[in-house]
Amino acid sequence: MKLKASIAYISAFVIGFFSTTLAAQTIKVGIATEPYPPFSVPDASGNYSGWEIDIAKAICAQAKLDCEIVATAWDGIIPALLSKKIDVVAASLSITADRKRVIDFSDKYYQSGASIIGSKNANFSSTPAELDNKIIGLQAASIHVKFAKKYYPNATIKEYQSQDEANQDLYSGRIDATQADALTLESFLNSEQGKNCCDLKGMAVNDESLLGEGIGFGLRKGNPELKEQLNNAIDAIRENGTYEQISQAYFSFNIYGE
């Protein structure tokens, strides 16, 4: 009896030890270093705030994950995930077929289309034909670069490290248009600079194969437990009202989409 009790005690200790170790593991959540208002914006001290930061923290709290926010350059964020410098990408990463060949994704946590904006003084629409011979500024390594190469073959594509830099060049008249997530460009159009310079030319063609199936958390393949934790947490914060409460502070519409 004493032997059985000892074995049971040791087994319970081992299970408890490993459970505690796993629970205490820090999950490094990678966000883009570059500002992406209203999703992620750094302050003077290098601390980030915004809708996506709040949602990521809510997901971690709901899933009882010990998370650390790690800022990483946008064009290196997937390599950082694959090299285990970060464990999750929370940087408005579109779920696309190309990316799914390399990494895994959680369920979507928001979805919006891509829009095109340009100078108020320029009379053109968002159709591919009307963007012929235009200079279009795009964020490097984004889905919009590949999209533009397919749909705007006669345009000049200029790539930028951040969307904010593309917006600034549009404001300064160095490019004719920019394409990005509709929510991001709406934020710019509502800014003082955006109100003065630019307007919406229209939405981009809805090519899901390029623009994706929504925005999800990126993670390495072969990690079903973490994926399930993220998916369950997304569902939970939508059901308990946390998602809506956070979103109402930033948007006047349903950012989750259909």
Protein backbone atom coordinates (compact mmCIF):
# COMPACT_ATOMS: atom_id res chain seq x y z
CA MET A 1 0.00 0.00 0.00
CA LYS A 2 2.83 2.35 0.89
CA LEU A 3 4.52 1.59 -2.46
CA LYS A 4 1.31 2.32 -4.37
CA ALA A 5 0.83 5.55 -2.45
CA SER A 6 4.40 6.59 -3.18
CA ILE A 7 4.00 5.88 -6.90
CA ALA A 8 0.72 7.82 -6.97
CA TYR A 9 2.40 10.72 -5.16
CA ILE A 10 5.37 10.76 -7.54
CA SER A 11 3.07 10.56 -10.58
CA ALA A 12 0.98 13.45 -9.32
CA PHE A 13 4.14 15.46 -8.64
CA VAL A 14 5.53 14.85 -12.14
CA ILE A 15 2.23 15.70 -13.83
CA GLY A 16 1.90 18.83 -11.70
CA PHE A 17 5.47 19.85 -12.43
CA PHE A 18 5.09 19.61 -16.19
CA SER A 19 1.66 21.28 -16.14
CA THR A 20 3.10 24.19 -14.19
CA THR A 21 6.10 24.40 -16.50
CA LEU A 22 3.88 24.51 -19.58
CA ALA A 23 1.55 27.07 -18.02
CA ALA A 24 4.49 29.27 -17.09
CA GLN A 25 5.98 29.21 -20.59
CA THR A 26 6.06 32.69 -22.10
CA ILE A 27 4.39 33.02 -25.49
CA LYS A 28 6.14 35.69 -27.55
CA VAL A 29 3.56 37.60 -29.58
CA GLY A 30 5.15 39.33 -32.57
CA ILE A 31 3.76 42.67 -33.72
CA ALA A 32 5.09 44.89 -36.50
CA THR A 33 7.61 47.51 -35.42
CA GLU A 34 6.17 49.94 -37.96
CA PRO A 35 3.13 52.01 -36.86
CA TYR A 36 -0.18 50.66 -38.17
CA PRO A 37 -2.91 52.87 -36.70
CA PRO A 38 -5.39 52.18 -35.23
CA PHE A 39 -4.17 48.61 -34.82
CA SER A 40 -0.70 49.14 -33.36
CA VAL A 41 0.99 52.46 -32.54
CA PRO A 42 4.20 52.99 -30.53
CA ASP A 43 4.67 55.83 -28.06
CA ALA A 44 7.91 57.71 -27.35
CA SER A 45 9.02 54.96 -24.98
CA GLY A 46 8.49 52.20 -27.54
CA ASN A 47 5.36 50.83 -25.89
CA TYR A 48 2.58 49.82 -28.27
CA SER A 49 -1.13 50.40 -28.02
CA GLY A 50 -4.08 50.02 -30.37
CA TRP A 51 -6.98 47.73 -31.24
CA GLU A 52 -4.84 44.75 -32.24
CA ILE A 53 -2.70 45.05 -29.12
CA ASP A 54 -5.82 45.14 -26.93
CA ILE A 55 -7.31 42.13 -28.74
CA ALA A 56 -4.06 40.14 -28.45
CA LYS A 57 -3.89 40.84 -24.71
CA ALA A 58 -7.54 39.84 -24.29
CA ILE A 59 -6.90 36.60 -26.18
CA CYS A 60 -3.90 35.82 -23.97
CA ALA A 61 -5.87 36.56 -20.80
CA GLN A 62 -8.80 34.42 -21.94
CA ALA A 63 -6.50 31.52 -22.88
CA LYS A 64 -4.51 31.98 -19.67
CA LEU A 65 -1.31 32.39 -21.65
CA ASP A 66 1.67 34.32 -20.31
CA CYS A 67 2.31 36.58 -23.31
CA GLU A 68 5.11 38.97 -24.12
CA ILE A 69 4.72 41.55 -26.91
CA VAL A 70 7.76 41.54 -29.21
CA ALA A 71 8.12 44.21 -31.91
CA THR A 72 9.60 42.88 -35.16
CA ALA A 73 10.13 44.51 -38.55
CA TRP A 74 7.18 43.67 -40.77
CA ASP A 75 9.18 42.15 -43.64
CA GLY A 76 10.96 39.82 -41.21
CA ILE A 77 8.01 38.78 -39.07
CA ILE A 78 7.35 35.39 -40.69
CA PRO A 79 11.08 34.46 -40.68
CA ALA A 80 11.11 35.44 -36.98
CA LEU A 81 8.20 33.07 -36.38
CA LEU A 82 9.86 30.21 -38.25
CA SER A 83 13.16 30.72 -36.40
CA LYS A 84 11.30 30.66 -33.04
CA LYS A 85 12.16 34.24 -32.11
CA ILE A 86 8.41 34.70 -31.70
CA ASP A 87 5.60 32.17 -31.25
CA VAL A 88 2.57 34.01 -32.61
CA VAL A 89 2.14 36.79 -35.18
CA ALA A 90 -0.46 39.41 -34.30
CA ALA A 91 0.17 41.93 -37.07
CA SER A 92 -2.88 42.02 -39.35
CA LEU A 93 -1.58 38.98 -41.21
CA SER A 94 -3.99 37.96 -43.97
CA ILE A 95 -4.79 34.26 -44.25
CA THR A 96 -3.70 33.37 -47.78
CA ALA A 97 -3.01 30.12 -49.61
CA ASP A 98 0.66 31.06 -50.11
CA ARG A 99 1.20 31.75 -46.43
CA LYS A 100 -0.65 28.61 -45.36
CA ARG A 101 1.96 26.59 -47.21
CA VAL A 102 4.59 28.01 -44.86
CA ILE A 103 2.83 28.67 -41.54
CA ASP A 104 -0.40 27.84 -39.77
CA PHE A 105 -3.20 30.23 -38.80
CA SER A 106 -5.81 30.61 -36.13
CA ASP A 107 -9.38 31.33 -37.13
CA LYS A 108 -9.87 34.90 -38.32
CA TYR A 109 -10.23 37.64 -35.73
CA TYR A 110 -11.21 40.38 -38.17
CA GLN A 111 -11.81 40.92 -41.85
CA SER A 112 -11.98 43.91 -44.18
CA GLY A 113 -11.41 44.54 -47.85
CA ALA A 114 -8.65 46.47 -49.58
CA SER A 115 -9.27 50.04 -50.70
CA ILE A 116 -7.47 52.52 -52.94
CA ILE A 117 -7.05 56.18 -52.13
CA GLY A 118 -5.53 59.06 -54.08
CA SER A 119 -5.34 62.83 -54.31
CA LYS A 120 -8.65 64.71 -54.22
CA ASN A 121 -7.46 66.58 -57.30
CA ALA A 122 -7.01 63.38 -59.32
CA ASN A 123 -10.01 61.97 -61.13
CA PHE A 124 -9.67 58.20 -61.38
CA SER A 125 -11.42 55.14 -59.94
CA SER A 126 -10.12 51.91 -58.46
CA THR A 127 -10.52 49.86 -61.64
CA PRO A 128 -7.31 48.33 -63.02
CA ALA A 129 -7.68 50.20 -66.31
CA GLU A 130 -7.83 53.58 -64.56
CA LEU A 131 -4.68 52.80 -62.60
CA ASP A 132 -2.64 52.33 -65.77
CA ASN A 133 0.52 54.46 -65.72
CA LYS A 134 -0.12 55.54 -62.13
CA ILE A 135 2.52 55.42 -59.40
CA ILE A 136 1.09 53.23 -56.63
CA GLY A 137 2.73 53.10 -53.21
CA LEU A 138 2.49 49.83 -51.28
CA GLN A 139 3.87 48.39 -48.08
CA ALA A 140 6.71 45.98 -48.88
CA ALA A 141 6.09 42.28 -48.22
CA SER A 142 2.34 42.87 -47.99
CA ILE A 143 -0.33 40.99 -49.93
CA HIS A 144 -0.99 44.20 -51.87
CA VAL A 145 2.32 44.02 -53.72
CA LYS A 146 1.51 40.66 -55.31
CA PHE A 147 -2.05 41.85 -55.95
CA ALA A 148 -0.83 45.00 -57.70
CA LYS A 149 1.57 43.08 -59.92
CA LYS A 150 -1.35 40.98 -61.13
CA TYR A 151 -4.03 43.64 -61.50
CA TYR A 152 -2.02 46.78 -62.27
CA PRO A 153 0.66 45.54 -64.72
CA ASN A 154 1.00 48.94 -66.39
CA ALA A 155 1.39 50.89 -63.15
CA THR A 156 4.65 51.78 -61.43
CA ILE A 157 4.85 50.04 -58.05
CA LYS A 158 6.80 51.79 -55.31
CA GLU A 159 7.41 49.82 -52.11
CA TYR A 160 7.74 51.25 -48.61
CA GLN A 161 8.84 49.86 -45.27
CA SER A 162 5.55 50.97 -43.70
CA GLN A 163 2.09 52.04 -44.84
CA ASP A 164 2.59 55.33 -43.03
CA GLU A 165 5.51 56.15 -45.37
CA ALA A 166 3.32 55.44 -48.40
CA ASN A 167 0.61 57.71 -46.97
CA GLN A 168 3.14 60.49 -46.45
CA ASP A 169 4.35 60.26 -50.04
CA LEU A 170 0.75 60.37 -51.24
CA TYR A 171 0.19 63.47 -49.14
CA SER A 172 3.36 65.03 -50.60
CA GLY A 173 2.33 64.20 -54.18
CA ARG A 174 5.18 61.78 -54.88
CA ILE A 175 2.79 58.93 -55.72
CA ASP A 176 -0.67 58.86 -57.28
CA ALA A 177 -2.35 56.24 -55.11
CA THR A 178 -1.92 53.66 -52.40
CA GLN A 179 -3.74 50.43 -51.65
CA ALA A 180 -4.02 48.82 -48.23
CA ASP A 181 -6.48 47.40 -45.74
CA ALA A 182 -9.65 49.51 -45.94
CA LEU A 183 -9.68 50.14 -42.18
CA THR A 184 -6.12 51.40 -42.16
CA LEU A 185 -6.70 53.80 -45.03
CA GLU A 186 -9.97 54.99 -43.49
CA SER A 187 -7.98 55.96 -40.41
CA PHE A 188 -5.59 57.98 -42.57
CA LEU A 189 -8.45 59.68 -44.44
CA ASN A 190 -9.91 60.74 -41.10
CA SER A 191 -6.62 62.33 -40.01
CA GLU A 192 -5.85 66.01 -40.58
CA GLN A 193 -3.45 65.20 -43.41
CA GLY A 194 -5.82 62.72 -45.01
CA LYS A 195 -8.81 65.05 -44.88
CA ASN A 196 -6.84 67.77 -46.66
CA CYS A 197 -5.21 65.73 -49.39
CA CYS A 198 -6.99 62.60 -50.33
CA ASP A 199 -10.16 60.64 -50.87
CA LEU A 200 -11.37 57.11 -51.46
CA LYS A 201 -11.20 56.02 -55.11
CA GLY A 202 -12.90 52.68 -54.48
CA MET A 203 -12.38 49.11 -53.34
CA ALA A 204 -9.93 46.70 -54.92
CA VAL A 205 -11.17 43.61 -56.74
CA ASN A 206 -12.11 40.97 -54.16
CA ASP A 207 -9.57 38.31 -55.08
CA GLU A 208 -9.59 36.01 -52.03
CA SER A 209 -6.68 33.99 -53.40
CA LEU A 210 -4.49 37.07 -53.01
CA LEU A 211 -6.23 39.23 -50.41
CA GLY A 212 -6.95 36.31 -48.13
CA GLU A 213 -9.75 34.86 -46.04
CA GLY A 214 -9.52 37.37 -43.23
CA ILE A 215 -6.91 38.19 -40.60
CA GLY A 216 -5.64 35.46 -38.29
CA PHE A 217 -2.88 34.86 -35.78
CA GLY A 218 0.12 33.25 -37.47
CA LEU A 219 1.87 30.35 -35.78
CA ARG A 220 4.31 27.62 -36.65
CA LYS A 221 2.98 24.39 -38.11
CA GLY A 222 2.77 21.45 -35.77
CA ASN A 223 1.37 23.32 -32.76
CA PRO A 224 -2.29 22.22 -32.58
CA GLU A 225 -2.60 22.87 -28.84
CA LEU A 226 -1.69 26.56 -29.16
CA LYS A 227 -3.93 26.90 -32.22
CA GLU A 228 -6.86 25.43 -30.30
CA GLN A 229 -6.20 27.76 -27.37
CA LEU A 230 -6.24 30.79 -29.68
CA ASN A 231 -9.37 29.66 -31.52
CA ASN A 232 -11.23 28.95 -28.30
CA ALA A 233 -10.20 32.34 -26.90
CA ILE A 234 -11.35 34.15 -30.06
CA ASP A 235 -14.76 32.49 -29.75
CA ALA A 236 -14.94 33.19 -26.03
CA ILE A 237 -14.20 36.94 -26.17
CA ARG A 238 -16.72 37.33 -28.97
CA GLU A 239 -19.35 35.52 -26.92
CA ASN A 240 -18.67 37.27 -23.59
CA GLY A 241 -18.68 40.78 -25.04
CA THR A 242 -14.98 41.57 -24.62
CA TYR A 243 -14.36 41.71 -28.38
CA GLU A 244 -17.23 44.15 -28.93
CA GLN A 245 -16.25 46.29 -25.94
CA ILE A 246 -12.69 46.69 -27.25
CA SER A 247 -13.81 47.30 -30.83
CA GLN A 248 -16.35 49.98 -29.96
CA ALA A 249 -13.53 52.16 -28.65
CA TYR A 250 -11.95 52.16 -32.13
CA PHE A 251 -14.62 51.50 -34.77
CA SER A 252 -18.22 52.43 -35.48
CA PHE A 253 -18.92 49.20 -37.38
CA ASN A 254 -18.47 45.44 -37.07
CA ILE A 255 -14.77 44.88 -37.75
CA TYR A 256 -15.14 41.11 -37.49
CA GLY A 257 -16.98 41.04 -40.83
CA GLU A 258 -19.41 38.43 -42.03
